[in-house]
Amino acid sequence: MVNTETIAGTTQSLDGDAEQRILDAAHLVFVRRGTAGARMQEIADEAGVNKALLHYYFRSKSGLADAVFKRVARGVFGRLTEVASSDAPLEDKVRRIVAVYLEQLGRAPFVPGYIIGELSQHPERAQQLMETVRQFTDGAMPPVFLEGLRTQVDEAVRGGRIRPMTSEQFVANLVSLCVFPFAARPLLCAVLGMDADGFEAFLEDRRTALPEFFLNAIRP
């Protein structure tokens, strides 16, 4: 059923999925252009609605940008939190984290640049990011999965299975190796002479090469 309501002085149709279409469209536009570069009219055009409907559902560009950032953060951290907090052995966990990262970011290659840009330009995003992470860790801070990784890394160091390192360095190194190709994709493609197909082939090779590279680097 389609309802109508007077919005900004005009009568407009409110179909049941208009809000979701707007959020999907905003997701595409904000992730590609960032909050500063996104335009409400472009989002309305992408969603196939009048721009006034964006304000009806989300009040302002800021409100829509917040909704998109939280949605992106949930998408990134949902499966990663599940994998990182599992009881899998540390080496298996490394392989699974790499697989999830590359799968997710391969489908949404602009996400790392978007998140980094948002955190740099909008400091309040850091708190929003932590609030999102807490949703997957029963409100615990630091997240439970980081405590589990810390225990595994510390035990592996004591057992002589990996080089001496802190869990913080372990996580930072692993995440950096996963994220860098996406965050620096234009530069990487230019330096290595890759087109879109070449980058896809590069990622396919990286799915197997990266876990072994990382694990060999941390073994004694």
Protein backbone atom coordinates (compact mmCIF):
# COMPACT_ATOMS: atom_id res chain seq x y z
CA MET A 1 0.00 0.00 0.00
CA VAL A 2 1.25 3.48 -0.85
CA ASN A 3 0.58 6.29 1.60
CA THR A 4 0.79 9.98 0.81
CA GLU A 5 1.87 12.83 3.01
CA THR A 6 2.47 16.54 2.58
CA ILE A 7 6.23 17.12 2.65
CA ALA A 8 7.84 20.49 2.00
CA GLY A 9 4.52 21.80 0.73
CA THR A 10 3.94 18.98 -1.76
CA THR A 11 2.05 15.71 -1.54
CA GLN A 12 4.42 12.80 -2.00
CA SER A 13 4.04 9.04 -2.06
CA LEU A 14 5.52 7.09 0.84
CA ASP A 15 5.95 3.50 -0.31
CA GLY A 16 7.02 0.90 2.21
CA ASP A 17 10.62 0.59 1.06
CA ALA A 18 11.42 4.26 0.39
CA GLU A 19 13.49 4.60 3.57
CA GLN A 20 15.53 1.51 2.73
CA ARG A 21 16.10 2.68 -0.84
CA ILE A 22 17.32 6.02 0.47
CA LEU A 23 19.73 4.33 2.88
CA ASP A 24 21.02 2.02 0.14
CA ALA A 25 21.54 4.96 -2.20
CA ALA A 26 23.23 7.03 0.51
CA HIS A 27 25.51 4.09 1.27
CA LEU A 28 26.72 4.07 -2.34
CA VAL A 29 27.20 7.82 -2.56
CA PHE A 30 28.79 8.43 0.85
CA VAL A 31 31.22 5.53 0.55
CA ARG A 32 32.37 6.74 -2.86
CA ARG A 33 32.54 10.46 -2.09
CA GLY A 34 32.72 10.78 1.70
CA THR A 35 30.44 13.02 3.73
CA ALA A 36 32.00 16.23 2.43
CA GLY A 37 31.68 15.29 -1.24
CA ALA A 38 28.23 13.69 -1.11
CA ARG A 39 25.23 15.68 -2.32
CA MET A 40 21.68 15.09 -1.17
CA GLN A 41 20.33 15.54 -4.69
CA GLU A 42 22.62 12.80 -5.98
CA ILE A 43 21.36 10.47 -3.23
CA ALA A 44 17.74 11.32 -4.08
CA ASP A 45 18.39 10.64 -7.77
CA GLU A 46 20.08 7.33 -6.94
CA ALA A 47 17.12 6.31 -4.76
CA GLY A 48 14.53 7.55 -7.26
CA VAL A 49 12.79 9.86 -4.77
CA ASN A 50 12.24 13.56 -4.20
CA LYS A 51 15.02 15.17 -2.13
CA ALA A 52 12.46 16.24 0.47
CA LEU A 53 11.96 12.59 1.39
CA LEU A 54 15.59 12.37 2.52
CA HIS A 55 14.91 15.05 5.11
CA TYR A 56 11.59 13.45 6.04
CA TYR A 57 13.23 10.14 6.97
CA PHE A 58 16.68 11.28 8.17
CA ARG A 59 16.16 14.98 9.06
CA SER A 60 19.49 16.19 7.70
CA LYS A 61 22.56 15.24 5.72
CA SER A 62 24.36 14.71 9.02
CA GLY A 63 21.70 12.28 10.21
CA LEU A 64 21.91 10.32 6.97
CA ALA A 65 25.71 10.31 7.11
CA ASP A 66 25.61 8.92 10.66
CA ALA A 67 23.23 6.15 9.60
CA VAL A 68 25.50 5.18 6.71
CA PHE A 69 28.68 5.18 8.82
CA LYS A 70 27.11 2.91 11.44
CA ARG A 71 25.83 0.60 8.71
CA VAL A 72 29.27 0.35 7.11
CA ALA A 73 30.91 -0.27 10.49
CA ARG A 74 28.44 -3.07 11.28
CA GLY A 75 29.18 -4.66 7.93
CA VAL A 76 32.93 -4.58 8.50
CA PHE A 77 33.02 -5.72 12.12
CA GLY A 78 30.16 -8.22 12.27
CA ARG A 79 31.83 -11.28 10.73
CA LEU A 80 35.33 -10.23 11.82
CA THR A 81 34.24 -10.14 15.45
CA GLU A 82 32.69 -13.59 15.08
CA VAL A 83 35.90 -15.02 13.63
CA ALA A 84 38.26 -13.25 16.04
CA SER A 85 36.27 -14.34 19.11
CA SER A 86 36.03 -18.00 18.04
CA ASP A 87 37.96 -20.86 19.66
CA ALA A 88 39.94 -21.55 16.46
CA PRO A 89 43.72 -21.98 16.78
CA LEU A 90 45.68 -18.79 16.16
CA GLU A 91 47.01 -19.77 12.71
CA ASP A 92 43.55 -20.85 11.52
CA LYS A 93 42.17 -17.59 12.85
CA VAL A 94 44.72 -15.60 10.83
CA ARG A 95 43.68 -17.40 7.64
CA ARG A 96 39.99 -16.84 8.33
CA ILE A 97 40.44 -13.15 9.21
CA VAL A 98 42.32 -12.57 5.96
CA ALA A 99 39.65 -14.43 3.99
CA VAL A 100 36.83 -12.39 5.54
CA TYR A 101 38.64 -9.08 5.07
CA LEU A 102 39.48 -9.71 1.43
CA GLU A 103 36.02 -11.07 0.66
CA GLN A 104 34.21 -8.12 2.25
CA LEU A 105 36.51 -5.42 0.95
CA GLY A 106 36.66 -7.04 -2.47
CA ARG A 107 32.91 -6.43 -2.72
CA ALA A 108 33.23 -2.89 -1.33
CA PRO A 109 36.74 -1.65 -2.21
CA PHE A 110 35.99 1.99 -1.32
CA VAL A 111 35.12 1.18 2.31
CA PRO A 112 38.65 1.44 3.84
CA GLY A 113 39.25 4.85 2.28
CA TYR A 114 35.80 5.96 3.36
CA ILE A 115 36.29 4.89 6.99
CA ILE A 116 39.79 6.42 7.19
CA GLY A 117 38.53 9.65 5.65
CA GLU A 118 35.54 9.86 7.96
CA LEU A 119 37.66 9.23 11.06
CA SER A 120 40.12 11.93 9.94
CA GLN A 121 37.54 14.57 9.04
CA HIS A 122 34.91 13.78 11.68
CA PRO A 123 36.52 12.86 15.03
CA GLU A 124 33.11 11.93 16.48
CA ARG A 125 33.11 8.91 14.16
CA ALA A 126 35.63 7.18 16.46
CA GLN A 127 33.02 7.05 19.23
CA GLN A 128 30.39 5.84 16.77
CA LEU A 129 32.78 3.12 15.65
CA MET A 130 33.35 1.96 19.22
CA GLU A 131 29.62 1.95 19.88
CA THR A 132 29.18 -0.30 16.87
CA VAL A 133 31.92 -2.67 18.02
CA ARG A 134 30.29 -2.88 21.45
CA GLN A 135 27.12 -4.19 19.82
CA PHE A 136 29.05 -7.35 18.92
CA THR A 137 30.80 -7.72 22.28
CA ASP A 138 27.94 -7.37 24.77
CA GLY A 139 29.08 -3.84 25.55
CA ALA A 140 32.55 -4.90 26.69
CA MET A 141 35.50 -2.55 26.20
CA PRO A 142 38.09 -3.47 25.21
CA PRO A 143 36.20 -5.89 22.95
CA VAL A 144 36.16 -9.48 24.16
CA PHE A 145 37.66 -10.73 20.90
CA LEU A 146 40.77 -8.59 21.49
CA GLU A 147 41.19 -10.14 24.92
CA GLY A 148 40.95 -13.59 23.34
CA LEU A 149 43.56 -12.71 20.72
CA ARG A 150 45.82 -11.24 23.41
CA THR A 151 45.67 -14.52 25.33
CA GLN A 152 46.42 -16.58 22.23
CA VAL A 153 49.32 -14.37 21.15
CA ASP A 154 50.82 -14.32 24.65
CA GLU A 155 50.57 -18.12 24.91
CA ALA A 156 52.15 -18.56 21.46
CA VAL A 157 55.03 -16.24 22.42
CA ARG A 158 55.63 -18.09 25.71
CA GLY A 159 55.49 -21.42 23.89
CA GLY A 160 58.07 -20.26 21.34
CA ARG A 161 55.65 -20.74 18.44
CA ILE A 162 55.84 -17.10 17.30
CA ARG A 163 58.36 -14.30 17.69
CA PRO A 164 58.06 -12.06 20.76
CA MET A 165 55.40 -9.43 20.07
CA THR A 166 52.41 -7.82 21.70
CA SER A 167 48.86 -8.55 20.64
CA GLU A 168 48.52 -4.89 19.63
CA GLN A 169 51.37 -5.25 17.12
CA PHE A 170 49.93 -8.56 15.93
CA VAL A 171 46.52 -7.02 15.20
CA ALA A 172 47.93 -3.80 13.69
CA ASN A 173 50.24 -5.70 11.34
CA LEU A 174 47.56 -8.15 10.20
CA VAL A 175 44.89 -5.49 9.64
CA SER A 176 47.33 -3.21 7.82
CA LEU A 177 48.32 -5.94 5.38
CA CYS A 178 44.66 -6.65 4.65
CA VAL A 179 43.48 -3.06 4.29
CA PHE A 180 46.38 -1.34 2.52
CA PRO A 181 45.70 -2.59 -1.03
CA PHE A 182 42.16 -1.23 -0.85
CA ALA A 183 43.00 2.05 0.89
CA ALA A 184 45.80 2.71 -1.61
CA ARG A 185 44.20 1.07 -4.65
CA PRO A 186 44.70 3.97 -7.13
CA LEU A 187 48.37 4.33 -6.16
CA LEU A 188 48.96 0.59 -6.17
CA CYS A 189 47.37 0.17 -9.60
CA ALA A 190 49.42 3.05 -11.00
CA VAL A 191 52.72 1.79 -9.58
CA LEU A 192 52.13 -1.84 -10.58
CA GLY A 193 50.41 -1.05 -13.88
CA MET A 194 47.17 -2.87 -13.02
CA ASP A 195 43.73 -2.23 -14.48
CA ALA A 196 40.50 -3.41 -12.81
CA ASP A 197 40.96 -7.00 -14.00
CA GLY A 198 44.58 -6.95 -12.90
CA PHE A 199 43.59 -5.79 -9.42
CA GLU A 200 41.04 -8.62 -9.16
CA ALA A 201 43.73 -11.13 -10.12
CA PHE A 202 46.06 -9.54 -7.57
CA LEU A 203 43.43 -10.00 -4.84
CA GLU A 204 42.80 -13.60 -5.83
CA ASP A 205 46.51 -14.36 -5.44
CA ARG A 206 46.64 -12.43 -2.18
CA ARG A 207 43.96 -14.63 -0.62
CA THR A 208 46.48 -17.47 -0.40
CA ALA A 209 49.77 -15.53 -0.38
CA LEU A 210 48.98 -13.13 2.48
CA PRO A 211 48.18 -15.64 5.28
CA GLU A 212 51.36 -17.61 4.58
CA PHE A 213 53.46 -14.44 4.34
CA PHE A 214 52.13 -13.19 7.69
CA LEU A 215 52.48 -16.53 9.46
CA ASN A 216 56.03 -17.05 8.15
CA ALA A 217 56.93 -13.55 9.31
CA ILE A 218 55.87 -14.19 12.91
CA ARG A 219 57.26 -17.72 13.27
CA PRO A 220 60.63 -17.95 15.06
